[in-house]
PDB file of N, CA and C in Angstrom:
ATOM      1  N   UNK A   1     -10.792  64.395   2.728  1.00  0.00           N
ATOM      2  CA  UNK A   1     -11.087  63.057   2.275  1.00  0.00           C
ATOM      3  C   UNK A   1     -11.448  62.198   3.487  1.00  0.00           C
ATOM      4  N   UNK A   2     -12.491  61.446   3.363  1.00  0.00           N
ATOM      5  CA  UNK A   2     -12.972  60.659   4.477  1.00  0.00           C
ATOM      6  C   UNK A   2     -12.607  59.178   4.260  1.00  0.00           C
ATOM      7  N   UNK A   3     -12.087  58.543   5.302  1.00  0.00           N
ATOM      8  CA  UNK A   3     -11.694  57.134   5.222  1.00  0.00           C
ATOM      9  C   UNK A   3     -12.808  56.255   5.771  1.00  0.00           C
ATOM     10  N   UNK A   4     -12.968  55.095   5.148  1.00  0.00           N
ATOM     11  CA  UNK A   4     -14.004  54.158   5.565  1.00  0.00           C
ATOM     12  C   UNK A   4     -13.465  53.342   6.736  1.00  0.00           C
ATOM     13  N   UNK A   5     -14.024  53.511   7.910  1.00  0.00           N
ATOM     14  CA  UNK A   5     -13.565  52.792   9.088  1.00  0.00           C
ATOM     15  C   UNK A   5     -14.200  51.411   9.210  1.00  0.00           C
ATOM     16  N   UNK A   6     -15.085  51.072   8.320  1.00  0.00           N
ATOM     17  CA  UNK A   6     -15.728  49.756   8.340  1.00  0.00           C
ATOM     18  C   UNK A   6     -14.971  48.802   7.411  1.00  0.00           C
ATOM     19  N   UNK A   7     -13.704  48.976   7.321  1.00  0.00           N
ATOM     20  CA  UNK A   7     -12.839  48.227   6.423  1.00  0.00           C
ATOM     21  C   UNK A   7     -12.335  46.968   7.134  1.00  0.00           C
ATOM     22  N   UNK A   8     -13.219  45.982   7.375  1.00  0.00           N
ATOM     23  CA  UNK A   8     -12.897  44.867   8.256  1.00  0.00           C
ATOM     24  C   UNK A   8     -11.898  43.875   7.664  1.00  0.00           C
ATOM     25  N   UNK A   9     -11.787  43.754   6.354  1.00  0.00           N
ATOM     26  CA  UNK A   9     -10.883  42.754   5.793  1.00  0.00           C
ATOM     27  C   UNK A   9      -9.424  43.104   6.038  1.00  0.00           C
ATOM     28  N   UNK A  10      -9.107  44.365   6.236  1.00  0.00           N
ATOM     29  CA  UNK A  10      -7.729  44.750   6.496  1.00  0.00           C
ATOM     30  C   UNK A  10      -7.374  44.616   7.969  1.00  0.00           C
ATOM     31  N   UNK A  11      -8.336  44.602   8.836  1.00  0.00           N
ATOM     32  CA  UNK A  11      -8.076  44.562  10.268  1.00  0.00           C
ATOM     33  C   UNK A  11      -8.209  43.165  10.850  1.00  0.00           C
ATOM     34  N   UNK A  12      -8.505  42.158  10.042  1.00  0.00           N
ATOM     35  CA  UNK A  12      -8.545  40.779  10.494  1.00  0.00           C
ATOM     36  C   UNK A  12      -9.805  40.388  11.211  1.00  0.00           C
ATOM     37  N   UNK A  13     -10.791  41.234  11.286  1.00  0.00           N
ATOM     38  CA  UNK A  13     -12.026  40.838  11.940  1.00  0.00           C
ATOM     39  C   UNK A  13     -13.015  40.457  10.845  1.00  0.00           C
ATOM     40  N   UNK A  14     -13.184  39.216  10.641  1.00  0.00           N
ATOM     41  CA  UNK A  14     -14.065  38.718   9.591  1.00  0.00           C
ATOM     42  C   UNK A  14     -13.563  37.362   9.123  1.00  0.00           C
ATOM     43  N   UNK A  15     -14.293  36.760   8.223  1.00  0.00           N
ATOM     44  CA  UNK A  15     -13.926  35.421   7.779  1.00  0.00           C
ATOM     45  C   UNK A  15     -12.826  35.412   6.744  1.00  0.00           C
ATOM     46  N   UNK A  16     -12.600  36.480   6.021  1.00  0.00           N
ATOM     47  CA  UNK A  16     -11.575  36.512   4.991  1.00  0.00           C
ATOM     48  C   UNK A  16     -10.195  36.217   5.533  1.00  0.00           C
ATOM     49  N   UNK A  17      -9.846  36.801   6.646  1.00  0.00           N
ATOM     50  CA  UNK A  17      -8.545  36.553   7.259  1.00  0.00           C
ATOM     51  C   UNK A  17      -8.393  35.118   7.722  1.00  0.00           C
ATOM     52  N   UNK A  18      -9.431  34.552   8.296  1.00  0.00           N
ATOM     53  CA  UNK A  18      -9.377  33.169   8.778  1.00  0.00           C
ATOM     54  C   UNK A  18      -9.284  32.175   7.632  1.00  0.00           C
ATOM     55  N   UNK A  19     -10.029  32.430   6.554  1.00  0.00           N
ATOM     56  CA  UNK A  19      -9.965  31.520   5.409  1.00  0.00           C
ATOM     57  C   UNK A  19      -8.584  31.552   4.775  1.00  0.00           C
ATOM     58  N   UNK A  20      -7.980  32.693   4.699  1.00  0.00           N
ATOM     59  CA  UNK A  20      -6.635  32.791   4.146  1.00  0.00           C
ATOM     60  C   UNK A  20      -5.641  32.064   5.042  1.00  0.00           C
ATOM     61  N   UNK A  21      -5.786  32.198   6.342  1.00  0.00           N
ATOM     62  CA  UNK A  21      -4.898  31.526   7.282  1.00  0.00           C
ATOM     63  C   UNK A  21      -5.039  30.008   7.172  1.00  0.00           C
ATOM     64  N   UNK A  22      -6.267  29.507   7.138  1.00  0.00           N
ATOM     65  CA  UNK A  22      -6.509  28.061   7.037  1.00  0.00           C
ATOM     66  C   UNK A  22      -6.005  27.533   5.696  1.00  0.00           C
ATOM     67  N   UNK A  23      -6.218  28.301   4.625  1.00  0.00           N
ATOM     68  CA  UNK A  23      -5.728  27.880   3.312  1.00  0.00           C
ATOM     69  C   UNK A  23      -4.214  27.799   3.273  1.00  0.00           C
ATOM     70  N   UNK A  24      -3.539  28.783   3.838  1.00  0.00           N
ATOM     71  CA  UNK A  24      -2.080  28.779   3.887  1.00  0.00           C
ATOM     72  C   UNK A  24      -1.578  27.617   4.729  1.00  0.00           C
ATOM     73  N   UNK A  25      -2.222  27.372   5.851  1.00  0.00           N
ATOM     74  CA  UNK A  25      -1.847  26.253   6.708  1.00  0.00           C
ATOM     75  C   UNK A  25      -2.025  24.915   5.973  1.00  0.00           C
ATOM     76  N   UNK A  26      -3.112  24.769   5.219  1.00  0.00           N
ATOM     77  CA  UNK A  26      -3.357  23.532   4.461  1.00  0.00           C
ATOM     78  C   UNK A  26      -2.287  23.337   3.389  1.00  0.00           C
ATOM     79  N   UNK A  27      -1.880  24.411   2.737  1.00  0.00           N
ATOM     80  CA  UNK A  27      -0.834  24.310   1.710  1.00  0.00           C
ATOM     81  C   UNK A  27       0.487  23.895   2.345  1.00  0.00           C
ATOM     82  N   UNK A  28       0.824  24.457   3.484  1.00  0.00           N
ATOM     83  CA  UNK A  28       2.072  24.106   4.161  1.00  0.00           C
ATOM     84  C   UNK A  28       2.063  22.635   4.584  1.00  0.00           C
ATOM     85  N   UNK A  29       0.955  22.176   5.141  1.00  0.00           N
ATOM     86  CA  UNK A  29       0.849  20.772   5.557  1.00  0.00           C
ATOM     87  C   UNK A  29       0.956  19.848   4.343  1.00  0.00           C
ATOM     88  N   UNK A  30       0.314  20.200   3.232  1.00  0.00           N
ATOM     89  CA  UNK A  30       0.379  19.373   2.021  1.00  0.00           C
ATOM     90  C   UNK A  30       1.801  19.311   1.482  1.00  0.00           C
ATOM     91  N   UNK A  31       2.513  20.409   1.494  1.00  0.00           N
ATOM     92  CA  UNK A  31       3.892  20.414   1.009  1.00  0.00           C
ATOM     93  C   UNK A  31       4.779  19.562   1.901  1.00  0.00           C
ATOM     94  N   UNK A  32       4.608  19.639   3.209  1.00  0.00           N
ATOM     95  CA  UNK A  32       5.399  18.820   4.128  1.00  0.00           C
ATOM     96  C   UNK A  32       5.118  17.336   3.897  1.00  0.00           C
ATOM     97  N   UNK A  33       3.856  16.961   3.761  1.00  0.00           N
ATOM     98  CA  UNK A  33       3.519  15.556   3.494  1.00  0.00           C
ATOM     99  C   UNK A  33       4.090  15.094   2.168  1.00  0.00           C
ATOM    100  N   UNK A  34       4.057  15.934   1.157  1.00  0.00           N
ATOM    101  CA  UNK A  34       4.612  15.580  -0.148  1.00  0.00           C
ATOM    102  C   UNK A  34       6.114  15.364  -0.052  1.00  0.00           C
ATOM    103  N   UNK A  35       6.807  16.205   0.664  1.00  0.00           N
ATOM    104  CA  UNK A  35       8.255  16.049   0.820  1.00  0.00           C
ATOM    105  C   UNK A  35       8.579  14.759   1.564  1.00  0.00           C
ATOM    106  N   UNK A  36       7.860  14.477   2.642  1.00  0.00           N
ATOM    107  CA  UNK A  36       8.089  13.244   3.405  1.00  0.00           C
ATOM    108  C   UNK A  36       7.797  12.021   2.540  1.00  0.00           C
ATOM    109  N   UNK A  37       6.716  12.063   1.771  1.00  0.00           N
ATOM    110  CA  UNK A  37       6.357  10.942   0.892  1.00  0.00           C
ATOM    111  C   UNK A  37       7.449  10.701  -0.147  1.00  0.00           C
ATOM    112  N   UNK A  38       7.925  11.757  -0.779  1.00  0.00           N
ATOM    113  CA  UNK A  38       8.959  11.601  -1.801  1.00  0.00           C
ATOM    114  C   UNK A  38      10.264  11.084  -1.209  1.00  0.00           C
ATOM    115  N   UNK A  39      10.618  11.541  -0.031  1.00  0.00           N
ATOM    116  CA  UNK A  39      11.840  11.049   0.611  1.00  0.00           C
ATOM    117  C   UNK A  39      11.711   9.571   0.941  1.00  0.00           C
ATOM    118  N   UNK A  40      10.565   9.165   1.444  1.00  0.00           N
ATOM    119  CA  UNK A  40      10.369   7.742   1.788  1.00  0.00           C
ATOM    120  C   UNK A  40      10.356   6.864   0.556  1.00  0.00           C
ATOM    121  N   UNK A  41       9.785   7.336  -0.544  1.00  0.00           N
ATOM    122  CA  UNK A  41       9.729   6.539  -1.768  1.00  0.00           C
ATOM    123  C   UNK A  41      11.099   6.390  -2.408  1.00  0.00           C
ATOM    124  N   UNK A  42      11.904   7.420  -2.376  1.00  0.00           N
ATOM    125  CA  UNK A  42      13.211   7.343  -3.021  1.00  0.00           C
ATOM    126  C   UNK A  42      14.245   6.645  -2.161  1.00  0.00           C
ATOM    127  N   UNK A  43      14.069   6.601  -0.853  1.00  0.00           N
ATOM    128  CA  UNK A  43      15.073   5.982   0.009  1.00  0.00           C
ATOM    129  C   UNK A  43      14.755   4.534   0.344  1.00  0.00           C
ATOM    130  N   UNK A  44      13.597   4.030  -0.042  1.00  0.00           N
ATOM    131  CA  UNK A  44      13.206   2.658   0.293  1.00  0.00           C
ATOM    132  C   UNK A  44      13.868   1.690  -0.687  1.00  0.00           C
ATOM    133  N   UNK A  45      14.617   0.687  -0.192  1.00  0.00           N
ATOM    134  CA  UNK A  45      15.269  -0.268  -1.090  1.00  0.00           C
ATOM    135  C   UNK A  45      14.249  -1.154  -1.804  1.00  0.00           C
ATOM    136  N   UNK A  46      14.668  -1.715  -2.922  1.00  0.00           N
ATOM    137  CA  UNK A  46      13.801  -2.582  -3.719  1.00  0.00           C
ATOM    138  C   UNK A  46      13.472  -3.833  -2.914  1.00  0.00           C
ATOM    139  N   UNK A  47      12.204  -4.223  -2.904  1.00  0.00           N
ATOM    140  CA  UNK A  47      11.770  -5.411  -2.179  1.00  0.00           C
ATOM    141  C   UNK A  47      11.573  -5.180  -0.699  1.00  0.00           C
ATOM    142  N   UNK A  48      11.627  -3.939  -0.272  1.00  0.00           N
ATOM    143  CA  UNK A  48      11.467  -3.665   1.153  1.00  0.00           C
ATOM    144  C   UNK A  48      10.017  -3.754   1.594  1.00  0.00           C
ATOM    145  N   UNK A  49       9.082  -3.900   0.666  1.00  0.00           N
ATOM    146  CA  UNK A  49       7.679  -3.989   1.017  1.00  0.00           C
ATOM    147  C   UNK A  49       7.298  -5.324   1.622  1.00  0.00           C
ATOM    148  N   UNK A  50       8.169  -6.344   1.492  1.00  0.00           N
ATOM    149  CA  UNK A  50       7.897  -7.669   2.031  1.00  0.00           C
ATOM    150  C   UNK A  50       8.514  -7.744   3.415  1.00  0.00           C
ATOM    151  N   UNK A  51       7.683  -7.945   4.418  1.00  0.00           N
ATOM    152  CA  UNK A  51       8.171  -7.977   5.793  1.00  0.00           C
ATOM    153  C   UNK A  51       7.847  -9.328   6.416  1.00  0.00           C
ATOM    154  N   UNK A  52       8.704  -9.732   7.339  1.00  0.00           N
ATOM    155  CA  UNK A  52       8.459 -10.961   8.087  1.00  0.00           C
ATOM    156  C   UNK A  52       7.349 -10.710   9.098  1.00  0.00           C
ATOM    157  N   UNK A  53       6.572 -11.751   9.440  1.00  0.00           N
ATOM    158  CA  UNK A  53       5.545 -11.587  10.463  1.00  0.00           C
ATOM    159  C   UNK A  53       6.166 -11.172  11.791  1.00  0.00           C
ATOM    160  N   UNK A  54       5.357 -10.618  12.659  1.00  0.00           N
ATOM    161  CA  UNK A  54       5.818 -10.113  13.950  1.00  0.00           C
ATOM    162  C   UNK A  54       6.489 -11.235  14.736  1.00  0.00           C
ATOM    163  N   UNK A  55       7.687 -11.014  15.219  1.00  0.00           N
ATOM    164  CA  UNK A  55       8.383 -11.991  16.046  1.00  0.00           C
ATOM    165  C   UNK A  55       9.275 -12.948  15.279  1.00  0.00           C
ATOM    166  N   UNK A  56       9.343 -12.843  13.955  1.00  0.00           N
ATOM    167  CA  UNK A  56      10.160 -13.731  13.150  1.00  0.00           C
ATOM    168  C   UNK A  56      11.233 -12.936  12.437  1.00  0.00           C
ATOM    169  N   UNK A  57      12.399 -13.514  12.334  1.00  0.00           N
ATOM    170  CA  UNK A  57      13.434 -12.892  11.521  1.00  0.00           C
ATOM    171  C   UNK A  57      13.350 -13.512  10.133  1.00  0.00           C
ATOM    172  N   UNK A  58      13.868 -12.840   9.110  1.00  0.00           N
ATOM    173  CA  UNK A  58      13.789 -13.395   7.756  1.00  0.00           C
ATOM    174  C   UNK A  58      14.456 -14.760   7.614  1.00  0.00           C
ATOM    175  N   UNK A  59      15.465 -15.060   8.434  1.00  0.00           N
ATOM    176  CA  UNK A  59      16.140 -16.357   8.329  1.00  0.00           C
ATOM    177  C   UNK A  59      15.270 -17.487   8.869  1.00  0.00           C
ATOM    178  N   UNK A  60      14.258 -17.183   9.690  1.00  0.00           N
ATOM    179  CA  UNK A  60      13.403 -18.223  10.259  1.00  0.00           C
ATOM    180  C   UNK A  60      12.253 -18.605   9.339  1.00  0.00           C
ATOM    181  N   UNK A  61      12.027 -17.855   8.299  1.00  0.00           N
ATOM    182  CA  UNK A  61      10.916 -18.132   7.389  1.00  0.00           C
ATOM    183  C   UNK A  61      11.421 -19.024   6.270  1.00  0.00           C
ATOM    184  N   UNK A  62      10.805 -20.182   6.120  1.00  0.00           N
ATOM    185  CA  UNK A  62      11.224 -21.136   5.101  1.00  0.00           C
ATOM    186  C   UNK A  62      10.687 -20.702   3.740  1.00  0.00           C
ATOM    187  N   UNK A  63      11.445 -20.951   2.685  1.00  0.00           N
ATOM    188  CA  UNK A  63      10.928 -20.642   1.351  1.00  0.00           C
ATOM    189  C   UNK A  63       9.759 -21.573   1.033  1.00  0.00           C
ATOM    190  N   UNK A  64       8.853 -21.153   0.178  1.00  0.00           N
ATOM    191  CA  UNK A  64       7.707 -22.012  -0.142  1.00  0.00           C
ATOM    192  C   UNK A  64       8.169 -23.310  -0.804  1.00  0.00           C
ATOM    193  N   UNK A  65       7.606 -24.412  -0.330  1.00  0.00           N
ATOM    194  CA  UNK A  65       7.967 -25.717  -0.865  1.00  0.00           C
ATOM    195  C   UNK A  65       7.344 -25.901  -2.244  1.00  0.00           C
ATOM    196  N   UNK A  66       8.110 -26.512  -3.139  1.00  0.00           N
ATOM    197  CA  UNK A  66       7.582 -26.779  -4.469  1.00  0.00           C
ATOM    198  C   UNK A  66       6.798 -28.078  -4.442  1.00  0.00           C
ATOM    199  N   UNK A  67       5.692 -28.076  -5.189  1.00  0.00           N
ATOM    200  CA  UNK A  67       4.854 -29.275  -5.259  1.00  0.00           C
ATOM    201  C   UNK A  67       5.514 -30.313  -6.157  1.00  0.00           C
ATOM    202  N   UNK A  68       5.409 -31.550  -5.729  1.00  0.00           N
ATOM    203  CA  UNK A  68       5.896 -32.631  -6.582  1.00  0.00           C
ATOM    204  C   UNK A  68       4.856 -32.891  -7.673  1.00  0.00           C
ATOM    205  N   UNK A  69       5.239 -33.550  -8.752  1.00  0.00           N
ATOM    206  CA  UNK A  69       4.266 -33.855  -9.810  1.00  0.00           C
ATOM    207  C   UNK A  69       3.079 -34.681  -9.300  1.00  0.00           C
ATOM    208  N   UNK A  70       3.329 -35.576  -8.363  1.00  0.00           N
ATOM    209  CA  UNK A  70       2.229 -36.373  -7.802  1.00  0.00           C
ATOM    210  C   UNK A  70       1.254 -35.486  -7.019  1.00  0.00           C
ATOM    211  N   UNK A  71       1.800 -34.520  -6.261  1.00  0.00           N
ATOM    212  CA  UNK A  71       0.942 -33.601  -5.503  1.00  0.00           C
ATOM    213  C   UNK A  71       0.089 -32.746  -6.438  1.00  0.00           C
ATOM    214  N   UNK A  72       0.684 -32.305  -7.524  1.00  0.00           N
ATOM    215  CA  UNK A  72      -0.072 -31.512  -8.508  1.00  0.00           C
ATOM    216  C   UNK A  72      -1.192 -32.345  -9.111  1.00  0.00           C
ATOM    217  N   UNK A  73      -0.884 -33.591  -9.432  1.00  0.00           N
ATOM    218  CA  UNK A  73      -1.893 -34.481 -10.006  1.00  0.00           C
ATOM    219  C   UNK A  73      -3.020 -34.753  -9.011  1.00  0.00           C
ATOM    220  N   UNK A  74      -2.665 -34.983  -7.740  1.00  0.00           N
ATOM    221  CA  UNK A  74      -3.684 -35.203  -6.715  1.00  0.00           C
ATOM    222  C   UNK A  74      -4.576 -33.982  -6.546  1.00  0.00           C
ATOM    223  N   UNK A  75      -3.952 -32.810  -6.552  1.00  0.00           N
ATOM    224  CA  UNK A  75      -4.723 -31.573  -6.399  1.00  0.00           C
ATOM    225  C   UNK A  75      -5.672 -31.371  -7.582  1.00  0.00           C
ATOM    226  N   UNK A  76      -5.203 -31.652  -8.787  1.00  0.00           N
ATOM    227  CA  UNK A  76      -6.065 -31.486  -9.966  1.00  0.00           C
ATOM    228  C   UNK A  76      -7.229 -32.482  -9.951  1.00  0.00           C
ATOM    229  N   UNK A  77      -6.963 -33.709  -9.486  1.00  0.00           N
ATOM    230  CA  UNK A  77      -8.031 -34.715  -9.402  1.00  0.00           C
ATOM    231  C   UNK A  77      -9.032 -34.340  -8.312  1.00  0.00           C
ATOM    232  N   UNK A  78      -8.519 -33.864  -7.174  1.00  0.00           N
ATOM    233  CA  UNK A  78      -9.398 -33.498  -6.062  1.00  0.00           C
ATOM    234  C   UNK A  78     -10.285 -32.298  -6.420  1.00  0.00           C
ATOM    235  N   UNK A  79      -9.775 -31.387  -7.234  1.00  0.00           N
ATOM    236  CA  UNK A  79     -10.576 -30.223  -7.609  1.00  0.00           C
ATOM    237  C   UNK A  79     -11.536 -30.513  -8.750  1.00  0.00           C
ATOM    238  N   UNK A  80     -11.475 -31.726  -9.321  1.00  0.00           N
ATOM    239  CA  UNK A  80     -12.381 -32.083 -10.403  1.00  0.00           C
ATOM    240  C   UNK A  80     -11.899 -31.616 -11.758  1.00  0.00           C
ATOM    241  N   UNK A  81     -10.658 -31.249 -11.828  1.00  0.00           N
ATOM    242  CA  UNK A  81     -10.097 -30.763 -13.089  1.00  0.00           C
ATOM    243  C   UNK A  81      -9.871 -31.904 -14.082  1.00  0.00           C
ATOM    244  N   UNK A  82      -9.553 -33.103 -13.550  1.00  0.00           N
ATOM    245  CA  UNK A  82      -9.354 -34.269 -14.420  1.00  0.00           C
ATOM    246  C   UNK A  82     -10.212 -35.424 -13.906  1.00  0.00           C
ATOM    247  N   UNK A  83     -10.523 -36.360 -14.800  1.00  0.00           N
ATOM    248  CA  UNK A  83     -11.345 -37.537 -14.459  1.00  0.00           C
ATOM    249  C   UNK A  83     -10.479 -38.615 -13.804  1.00  0.00           C
ATOM    250  N   UNK A  84     -11.162 -39.631 -13.235  1.00  0.00           N
ATOM    251  CA  UNK A  84     -10.460 -40.711 -12.539  1.00  0.00           C
ATOM    252  C   UNK A  84      -9.546 -41.489 -13.484  1.00  0.00           C
ATOM    253  N   UNK A  85     -10.024 -41.781 -14.687  1.00  0.00           N
ATOM    254  CA  UNK A  85      -9.224 -42.554 -15.643  1.00  0.00           C
ATOM    255  C   UNK A  85      -7.945 -41.807 -16.014  1.00  0.00           C
ATOM    256  N   UNK A  86      -8.091 -40.510 -16.260  1.00  0.00           N
ATOM    257  CA  UNK A  86      -6.919 -39.715 -16.611  1.00  0.00           C
ATOM    258  C   UNK A  86      -5.962 -39.620 -15.422  1.00  0.00           C
ATOM    259  N   UNK A  87      -6.518 -39.525 -14.210  1.00  0.00           N
ATOM    260  CA  UNK A  87      -5.682 -39.473 -13.015  1.00  0.00           C
ATOM    261  C   UNK A  87      -4.868 -40.759 -12.866  1.00  0.00           C
ATOM    262  N   UNK A  88      -5.532 -41.913 -13.007  1.00  0.00           N
ATOM    263  CA  UNK A  88      -4.835 -43.192 -12.872  1.00  0.00           C
ATOM    264  C   UNK A  88      -3.798 -43.383 -13.973  1.00  0.00           C
ATOM    265  N   UNK A  89      -4.132 -42.982 -15.195  1.00  0.00           N
ATOM    266  CA  UNK A  89      -3.199 -43.121 -16.311  1.00  0.00           C
ATOM    267  C   UNK A  89      -1.965 -42.253 -16.081  1.00  0.00           C
ATOM    268  N   UNK A  90      -2.168 -41.019 -15.679  1.00  0.00           N
ATOM    269  CA  UNK A  90      -1.017 -40.120 -15.448  1.00  0.00           C
ATOM    270  C   UNK A  90      -0.220 -40.553 -14.221  1.00  0.00           C
ATOM    271  N   UNK A  91      -0.900 -41.091 -13.207  1.00  0.00           N
ATOM    272  CA  UNK A  91      -0.209 -41.573 -12.023  1.00  0.00           C
ATOM    273  C   UNK A  91       0.688 -42.760 -12.395  1.00  0.00           C
ATOM    274  N   UNK A  92       0.204 -43.605 -13.282  1.00  0.00           N
ATOM    275  CA  UNK A  92       1.022 -44.755 -13.722  1.00  0.00           C
ATOM    276  C   UNK A  92       2.220 -44.256 -14.531  1.00  0.00           C
ATOM    277  N   UNK A  93       2.051 -43.189 -15.295  1.00  0.00           N
ATOM    278  CA  UNK A  93       3.168 -42.640 -16.073  1.00  0.00           C
ATOM    279  C   UNK A  93       4.266 -42.080 -15.168  1.00  0.00           C
ATOM    280  N   UNK A  94       3.857 -41.533 -14.023  1.00  0.00           N
ATOM    281  CA  UNK A  94       4.855 -40.965 -13.117  1.00  0.00           C
ATOM    282  C   UNK A  94       5.583 -42.080 -12.402  1.00  0.00           C
TER     283      UNK A  94
END
């Protein structure tokens, strides 16, 4: 019985061996990234996505100021949302 010595896929000389190696490496890298992603998602506390700007601690950031009714009325008049007569009438009501 004669054996075929041109059997390159078993001896690693050819592209088949390299493609299998690269494919296996890609699968391993994808699994590692998936594990890291899942660990980071499950261990991150709620609301941790909000960060203070660089150089500030959370205690130094003031909460957003609420607009007074007069400020809201001025903003609506300035944007053209209400007419002058309505602005003056509502301003007198306040």
